[in-house]
C-alpha atoms as a PDB file:
ATOM      1  CA  MET A   1      -9.798  -4.780  17.956  1.00  0.00           C
ATOM      2  CA  GLU A   2      -9.313  -8.558  17.562  1.00  0.00           C
ATOM      3  CA  SER A   3     -12.520  -8.823  16.034  1.00  0.00           C
ATOM      4  CA  ALA A   4     -11.450  -6.806  12.867  1.00  0.00           C
ATOM      5  CA  ARG A   5      -8.372  -8.735  12.697  1.00  0.00           C
ATOM      6  CA  ARG A   6      -9.938 -12.128  12.905  1.00  0.00           C
ATOM      7  CA  THR A   7     -12.211 -11.438   9.856  1.00  0.00           C
ATOM      8  CA  ASP A   8      -9.273 -11.270   7.789  1.00  0.00           C
ATOM      9  CA  ASP A   9      -7.385 -14.420   7.949  1.00  0.00           C
ATOM     10  CA  THR A  10      -4.468 -13.108   5.152  1.00  0.00           C
ATOM     11  CA  LEU A  11      -3.192 -10.713   7.724  1.00  0.00           C
ATOM     12  CA  VAL A  12      -0.585 -13.248   8.866  1.00  0.00           C
ATOM     13  CA  ASN A  13       0.978 -13.439   5.402  1.00  0.00           C
ATOM     14  CA  LEU A  14       1.495  -9.544   5.009  1.00  0.00           C
ATOM     15  CA  LEU A  15       2.630  -9.745   8.751  1.00  0.00           C
ATOM     16  CA  MET A  16       5.206 -12.085   7.706  1.00  0.00           C
ATOM     17  CA  LEU A  17       6.602 -10.122   4.822  1.00  0.00           C
ATOM     18  CA  HIS A  18       7.494  -7.029   7.183  1.00  0.00           C
ATOM     19  CA  GLY A  19      11.357  -5.979   6.583  1.00  0.00           C
ATOM     20  CA  GLU A  20      11.448  -8.212   3.303  1.00  0.00           C
ATOM     21  CA  ILE A  21      13.125  -6.785   0.366  1.00  0.00           C
ATOM     22  CA  PHE A  22      12.965  -8.417  -2.808  1.00  0.00           C
ATOM     23  CA  PRO A  23      15.187  -7.682  -6.141  1.00  0.00           C
ATOM     24  CA  MET A  24      13.117  -7.601  -9.472  1.00  0.00           C
ATOM     25  CA  ASP A  25      13.836  -7.442 -13.153  1.00  0.00           C
ATOM     26  CA  ASN A  26      15.859  -4.455 -14.603  1.00  0.00           C
ATOM     27  CA  GLY A  27      17.143  -3.194 -11.179  1.00  0.00           C
ATOM     28  CA  TYR A  28      13.906  -3.020  -9.578  1.00  0.00           C
ATOM     29  CA  TRP A  29      13.082  -4.037  -6.035  1.00  0.00           C
ATOM     30  CA  THR A  30      10.272  -4.065  -3.682  1.00  0.00           C
ATOM     31  CA  LYS A  31      10.189  -3.326   0.118  1.00  0.00           C
ATOM     32  CA  PHE A  32       7.581  -4.335   2.522  1.00  0.00           C
ATOM     33  CA  GLU A  33       6.875  -2.729   6.125  1.00  0.00           C
ATOM     34  CA  ALA A  34       3.626  -3.984   7.936  1.00  0.00           C
ATOM     35  CA  TYR A  35       2.935  -4.436  11.818  1.00  0.00           C
ATOM     36  CA  LEU A  36       0.221  -4.139  14.317  1.00  0.00           C
ATOM     37  CA  VAL A  37      -1.231  -1.142  15.980  1.00  0.00           C
ATOM     38  CA  GLU A  38      -4.031  -0.422  17.966  1.00  0.00           C
ATOM     39  CA  PRO A  39      -7.064   0.189  15.513  1.00  0.00           C
ATOM     40  CA  SER A  40      -8.121   3.637  15.301  1.00  0.00           C
ATOM     41  CA  VAL A  41     -10.076   6.134  13.301  1.00  0.00           C
ATOM     42  CA  HIS A  42      -7.126   6.598  10.694  1.00  0.00           C
ATOM     43  CA  ILE A  43      -5.914   2.946  10.941  1.00  0.00           C
ATOM     44  CA  PRO A  44      -9.164   0.946  11.576  1.00  0.00           C
ATOM     45  CA  GLN A  45      -7.872  -2.457  10.265  1.00  0.00           C
ATOM     46  CA  GLY A  46      -5.217  -2.331  13.075  1.00  0.00           C
ATOM     47  CA  VAL A  47      -2.295  -2.731  10.641  1.00  0.00           C
ATOM     48  CA  ARG A  48       0.326  -0.184   9.720  1.00  0.00           C
ATOM     49  CA  TYR A  49       1.640  -0.843   6.355  1.00  0.00           C
ATOM     50  CA  SER A  50       3.747   0.338   3.419  1.00  0.00           C
ATOM     51  CA  LEU A  51       4.422  -1.697   0.003  1.00  0.00           C
ATOM     52  CA  THR A  52       6.900  -0.017  -2.401  1.00  0.00           C
ATOM     53  CA  LEU A  53       8.618  -0.594  -5.752  1.00  0.00           C
ATOM     54  CA  HIS A  54      11.817   1.306  -6.200  1.00  0.00           C
ATOM     55  CA  ASP A  55      13.749   1.664  -9.447  1.00  0.00           C
ATOM     56  CA  LYS A  56      17.298   0.739 -10.206  1.00  0.00           C
ATOM     57  CA  HIS A  57      18.156   4.524  -9.001  1.00  0.00           C
ATOM     58  CA  ASN A  58      16.226   4.071  -5.806  1.00  0.00           C
ATOM     59  CA  ILE A  59      13.142   6.097  -6.807  1.00  0.00           C
ATOM     60  CA  ARG A  60      10.026   4.844  -5.183  1.00  0.00           C
ATOM     61  CA  VAL A  61       7.864   4.712  -8.639  1.00  0.00           C
ATOM     62  CA  LEU A  62       4.817   2.861  -7.030  1.00  0.00           C
ATOM     63  CA  GLY A  63       3.739   2.489  -3.156  1.00  0.00           C
ATOM     64  CA  PHE A  64       0.527   1.659  -1.257  1.00  0.00           C
ATOM     65  CA  ASP A  65       0.397   2.748   2.510  1.00  0.00           C
ATOM     66  CA  ASN A  66      -1.271   4.305   5.364  1.00  0.00           C
ATOM     67  CA  ALA A  67       1.689   6.009   7.196  1.00  0.00           C
ATOM     68  CA  HIS A  68       0.294   9.460   6.797  1.00  0.00           C
ATOM     69  CA  GLY A  69      -2.910  11.053   6.320  1.00  0.00           C
ATOM     70  CA  PHE A  70      -4.014  12.257   2.587  1.00  0.00           C
ATOM     71  CA  LYS A  71      -6.448  14.671   1.343  1.00  0.00           C
ATOM     72  CA  PRO A  72      -8.073  13.912  -2.018  1.00  0.00           C
ATOM     73  CA  LYS A  73      -8.753  16.395  -4.389  1.00  0.00           C
ATOM     74  CA  LYS A  74     -11.949  18.647  -3.930  1.00  0.00           C
ATOM     75  CA  LYS A  75     -14.840  17.088  -6.199  1.00  0.00           C
ATOM     76  CA  LYS A  76     -17.382  19.776  -7.350  1.00  0.00           C
ATOM     77  CA  TYR A  77     -20.252  17.777  -5.541  1.00  0.00           C
ATOM     78  CA  GLY A  78     -18.673  15.214  -3.533  1.00  0.00           C
ATOM     79  CA  ALA A  79     -17.985  14.898   0.384  1.00  0.00           C
ATOM     80  CA  HIS A  80     -14.411  16.009   1.730  1.00  0.00           C
ATOM     81  CA  LYS A  81     -12.852  12.785   2.903  1.00  0.00           C
ATOM     82  CA  PHE A  82      -9.390  12.606   4.800  1.00  0.00           C
ATOM     83  CA  THR A  83      -8.116   9.234   4.191  1.00  0.00           C
ATOM     84  CA  TRP A  84      -4.762   7.539   5.431  1.00  0.00           C
ATOM     85  CA  ASP A  85      -4.968   4.599   2.850  1.00  0.00           C
ATOM     86  CA  HIS A  86      -3.488   5.703  -0.215  1.00  0.00           C
ATOM     87  CA  GLN A  87      -1.701   4.858  -3.165  1.00  0.00           C
ATOM     88  CA  HIS A  88       1.676   6.650  -4.637  1.00  0.00           C
ATOM     89  CA  ARG A  89       2.293   6.494  -8.274  1.00  0.00           C
ATOM     90  CA  LEU A  90       5.840   8.421  -8.790  1.00  0.00           C
ATOM     91  CA  GLN A  91       4.420  11.860  -7.966  1.00  0.00           C
ATOM     92  CA  ILE A  92       0.643  11.453  -7.999  1.00  0.00           C
ATOM     93  CA  ILE A  93      -1.141  10.040  -4.826  1.00  0.00           C
ATOM     94  CA  LYS A  94      -4.763   8.790  -5.064  1.00  0.00           C
ATOM     95  CA  PRO A  95      -6.934   7.430  -2.352  1.00  0.00           C
ATOM     96  CA  TYR A  96      -6.959   3.478  -1.641  1.00  0.00           C
ATOM     97  CA  GLU A  97      -9.551   1.372  -0.426  1.00  0.00           C
ATOM     98  CA  TYR A  98      -8.291  -1.490   2.049  1.00  0.00           C
ATOM     99  CA  GLU A  99     -10.211  -4.414   1.916  1.00  0.00           C
ATOM    100  CA  SER A 100      -8.002  -6.997   3.369  1.00  0.00           C
ATOM    101  CA  ALA A 101      -4.345  -7.885   3.463  1.00  0.00           C
ATOM    102  CA  ALA A 102      -4.683 -10.182   0.557  1.00  0.00           C
ATOM    103  CA  GLN A 103      -6.448  -7.593  -1.554  1.00  0.00           C
ATOM    104  CA  LEU A 104      -3.698  -5.108  -0.510  1.00  0.00           C
ATOM    105  CA  LEU A 105      -0.743  -7.362  -1.808  1.00  0.00           C
ATOM    106  CA  ASP A 106      -2.879  -8.482  -5.174  1.00  0.00           C
ATOM    107  CA  ASP A 107      -3.214  -4.660  -5.818  1.00  0.00           C
ATOM    108  CA  PHE A 108       0.217  -3.729  -5.269  1.00  0.00           C
ATOM    109  CA  TRP A 109       1.521  -7.134  -7.373  1.00  0.00           C
ATOM    110  CA  ARG A 110      -0.755  -6.304 -10.372  1.00  0.00           C
ATOM    111  CA  GLU A 111       0.188  -2.216 -10.175  1.00  0.00           C
ATOM    112  CA  ALA A 112       3.949  -3.380 -10.098  1.00  0.00           C
ATOM    113  CA  GLU A 113       3.906  -5.619 -12.748  1.00  0.00           C
ATOM    114  CA  MET A 114       2.189  -3.180 -14.976  1.00  0.00           C
ATOM    115  CA  ILE A 115       4.748  -0.529 -14.149  1.00  0.00           C
ATOM    116  CA  MET A 116       7.584  -2.873 -14.984  1.00  0.00           C
ATOM    117  CA  ALA A 117       5.901  -3.953 -17.971  1.00  0.00           C
ATOM    118  CA  TYR A 118       5.313  -0.602 -19.101  1.00  0.00           C
ATOM    119  CA  LEU A 119       8.897   0.451 -18.465  1.00  0.00           C
ATOM    120  CA  ARG A 120      10.407  -2.407 -19.999  1.00  0.00           C
ATOM    121  CA  ARG A 121       9.254  -1.389 -23.435  1.00  0.00           C
END
């Protein structure tokens, strides 16, 4: 359990964001949830997380989380994988490859900035 966490020194930064809500431009806001859990088959990194971006109507427009299982659409010649790490973009859900807490935060902020820039046009 501890060995997987030791390899990710940035995990402390993610855990410190737990419960934080940040107001953004144009009425958007973000919410962060992250806490340690026992590593398991579904959550091997030992951290449960949910990073979300909401619009001014409180509708989630972006989310990265591992709160529930997700089965990607069948590929014609691919393996059937059931994953817990995934990304929500409005009603579309796609798998997310968790590498580290730092990468998760970077990916979330990059997507959030793209969405807000697109909707500001």
